[in-house]
Amino acid sequence: MATNAEIAAKLLRDAATFFRHVGEQNDPIKDQMDSNAQAYDTIAELVETEPTAEFDLIDQR
């Protein structure tokens, strides 16, 4: 049985793949989609390797 963290990581990686596919089909937004995909892949890695780790969010208002 998969853990919540494993499921979350898979969903994040699937989203990253989606962003990459969108970027491949839309050259004007490719860089943004690749950036989004990288962010999702990074968080997937963190969820898998340190599922209970915490970090401070920077208020970007």
N, C-alpha and C. Protein backbone atom coordinates (compact mmCIF):
# COMPACT_ATOMS: atom_id res chain seq x y z
N MET A 1 0.85 -1.18 0.00
CA MET A 1 0.00 0.00 0.00
C MET A 1 0.90 1.25 0.00
N ALA A 2 0.54 2.21 -0.79
CA ALA A 2 1.33 3.45 -0.91
C ALA A 2 1.04 4.39 0.25
N THR A 3 2.06 5.12 0.65
CA THR A 3 1.87 6.13 1.70
C THR A 3 1.33 7.42 1.06
N ASN A 4 0.82 8.30 1.91
CA ASN A 4 0.34 9.58 1.43
C ASN A 4 1.47 10.35 0.73
N ALA A 5 2.67 10.28 1.28
CA ALA A 5 3.81 10.97 0.68
C ALA A 5 4.13 10.41 -0.70
N GLU A 6 4.05 9.11 -0.85
CA GLU A 6 4.32 8.50 -2.16
C GLU A 6 3.27 8.93 -3.19
N ILE A 7 2.03 8.96 -2.77
CA ILE A 7 0.96 9.39 -3.67
C ILE A 7 1.14 10.86 -4.03
N ALA A 8 1.45 11.68 -3.04
CA ALA A 8 1.66 13.10 -3.30
C ALA A 8 2.82 13.32 -4.27
N ALA A 9 3.91 12.60 -4.09
CA ALA A 9 5.07 12.74 -4.97
C ALA A 9 4.70 12.33 -6.40
N LYS A 10 3.92 11.26 -6.54
CA LYS A 10 3.51 10.83 -7.88
C LYS A 10 2.63 11.88 -8.54
N LEU A 11 1.69 12.44 -7.79
CA LEU A 11 0.83 13.48 -8.34
C LEU A 11 1.64 14.71 -8.76
N LEU A 12 2.61 15.08 -7.94
CA LEU A 12 3.46 16.22 -8.29
C LEU A 12 4.26 15.94 -9.55
N ARG A 13 4.80 14.75 -9.67
CA ARG A 13 5.57 14.40 -10.88
C ARG A 13 4.67 14.34 -12.12
N ASP A 14 3.45 13.86 -11.94
CA ASP A 14 2.50 13.85 -13.06
C ASP A 14 2.18 15.28 -13.49
N ALA A 15 2.04 16.17 -12.54
CA ALA A 15 1.79 17.57 -12.87
C ALA A 15 2.99 18.17 -13.60
N ALA A 16 4.19 17.82 -13.17
CA ALA A 16 5.40 18.31 -13.85
C ALA A 16 5.42 17.83 -15.30
N THR A 17 5.05 16.59 -15.52
CA THR A 17 4.99 16.05 -16.88
C THR A 17 3.96 16.82 -17.71
N PHE A 18 2.83 17.12 -17.11
CA PHE A 18 1.80 17.89 -17.79
C PHE A 18 2.34 19.26 -18.21
N PHE A 19 3.00 19.96 -17.30
CA PHE A 19 3.55 21.27 -17.62
C PHE A 19 4.57 21.17 -18.76
N ARG A 20 5.39 20.15 -18.74
CA ARG A 20 6.38 19.98 -19.82
C ARG A 20 5.68 19.76 -21.17
N HIS A 21 4.62 18.96 -21.17
CA HIS A 21 3.88 18.72 -22.42
C HIS A 21 3.22 20.00 -22.93
N VAL A 22 2.65 20.77 -22.03
CA VAL A 22 2.04 22.04 -22.43
C VAL A 22 3.10 22.96 -23.03
N GLY A 23 4.28 23.02 -22.40
CA GLY A 23 5.36 23.85 -22.91
C GLY A 23 5.86 23.40 -24.26
N GLU A 24 5.91 22.10 -24.48
CA GLU A 24 6.35 21.58 -25.78
C GLU A 24 5.40 21.98 -26.90
N GLN A 25 4.13 22.16 -26.56
CA GLN A 25 3.13 22.49 -27.57
C GLN A 25 2.89 23.99 -27.71
N ASN A 26 3.47 24.79 -26.81
CA ASN A 26 3.24 26.23 -26.80
C ASN A 26 4.55 26.96 -26.55
N ASP A 27 5.29 27.18 -27.61
CA ASP A 27 6.62 27.78 -27.48
C ASP A 27 6.64 29.10 -26.71
N PRO A 28 5.64 29.99 -26.86
CA PRO A 28 5.69 31.25 -26.11
C PRO A 28 5.70 31.09 -24.59
N ILE A 29 5.15 29.98 -24.10
CA ILE A 29 5.12 29.79 -22.64
C ILE A 29 6.02 28.63 -22.19
N LYS A 30 6.85 28.13 -23.06
CA LYS A 30 7.70 26.98 -22.75
C LYS A 30 8.58 27.22 -21.53
N ASP A 31 9.24 28.38 -21.46
CA ASP A 31 10.12 28.65 -20.32
C ASP A 31 9.36 28.63 -19.00
N GLN A 32 8.17 29.24 -18.98
CA GLN A 32 7.37 29.26 -17.75
C GLN A 32 6.91 27.85 -17.38
N MET A 33 6.51 27.07 -18.36
CA MET A 33 6.05 25.71 -18.10
C MET A 33 7.20 24.83 -17.61
N ASP A 34 8.38 25.02 -18.18
CA ASP A 34 9.55 24.28 -17.70
C ASP A 34 9.89 24.66 -16.27
N SER A 35 9.76 25.93 -15.95
CA SER A 35 10.00 26.40 -14.58
C SER A 35 8.99 25.79 -13.61
N ASN A 36 7.74 25.77 -14.01
CA ASN A 36 6.70 25.15 -13.19
C ASN A 36 7.00 23.67 -12.97
N ALA A 37 7.38 22.98 -14.03
CA ALA A 37 7.69 21.55 -13.94
C ALA A 37 8.84 21.31 -12.98
N GLN A 38 9.87 22.13 -13.06
CA GLN A 38 11.02 21.98 -12.16
C GLN A 38 10.60 22.17 -10.70
N ALA A 39 9.74 23.14 -10.46
CA ALA A 39 9.26 23.38 -9.09
C ALA A 39 8.50 22.15 -8.56
N TYR A 40 7.64 21.59 -9.38
CA TYR A 40 6.88 20.41 -8.96
C TYR A 40 7.80 19.22 -8.73
N ASP A 41 8.79 19.03 -9.60
CA ASP A 41 9.75 17.94 -9.41
C ASP A 41 10.55 18.13 -8.11
N THR A 42 10.92 19.36 -7.82
CA THR A 42 11.68 19.65 -6.60
C THR A 42 10.85 19.32 -5.35
N ILE A 43 9.60 19.74 -5.34
CA ILE A 43 8.75 19.46 -4.19
C ILE A 43 8.47 17.96 -4.08
N ALA A 44 8.32 17.27 -5.20
CA ALA A 44 8.12 15.82 -5.17
C ALA A 44 9.31 15.14 -4.50
N GLU A 45 10.51 15.59 -4.85
CA GLU A 45 11.73 15.03 -4.24
C GLU A 45 11.74 15.28 -2.73
N LEU A 46 11.36 16.49 -2.32
CA LEU A 46 11.33 16.81 -0.88
C LEU A 46 10.29 15.96 -0.15
N VAL A 47 9.13 15.79 -0.75
CA VAL A 47 8.07 14.98 -0.13
C VAL A 47 8.54 13.54 0.05
N GLU A 48 9.28 13.03 -0.91
CA GLU A 48 9.78 11.65 -0.81
C GLU A 48 10.90 11.52 0.20
N THR A 49 11.83 12.45 0.21
CA THR A 49 13.02 12.29 1.04
C THR A 49 12.86 12.83 2.46
N GLU A 50 12.03 13.87 2.62
CA GLU A 50 11.84 14.47 3.94
C GLU A 50 10.37 14.87 4.13
N PRO A 51 9.47 13.90 4.21
CA PRO A 51 8.04 14.21 4.22
C PRO A 51 7.56 15.06 5.39
N THR A 52 8.29 15.10 6.47
CA THR A 52 7.84 15.91 7.61
C THR A 52 8.68 17.16 7.83
N ALA A 53 9.60 17.44 6.91
CA ALA A 53 10.45 18.63 7.04
C ALA A 53 9.60 19.89 6.92
N GLU A 54 10.10 20.95 7.51
CA GLU A 54 9.42 22.24 7.46
C GLU A 54 10.37 23.29 6.92
N PHE A 55 9.79 24.31 6.30
CA PHE A 55 10.59 25.46 5.87
C PHE A 55 9.72 26.70 5.94
N ASP A 56 10.37 27.84 6.13
CA ASP A 56 9.66 29.10 6.22
C ASP A 56 9.30 29.59 4.83
N LEU A 57 8.06 29.99 4.67
CA LEU A 57 7.63 30.59 3.41
C LEU A 57 7.92 32.08 3.47
N ILE A 58 8.38 32.62 2.39
CA ILE A 58 8.66 34.04 2.31
C ILE A 58 7.40 34.73 1.79
N ASP A 59 6.95 35.73 2.51
CA ASP A 59 5.77 36.48 2.10
C ASP A 59 6.14 37.31 0.88
N GLN A 60 5.55 37.00 -0.28
CA GLN A 60 5.90 37.67 -1.52
C GLN A 60 4.76 38.56 -2.02
N ARG A 61 4.12 39.25 -1.12
CA ARG A 61 3.04 40.16 -1.55
C ARG A 61 3.58 41.39 -2.15
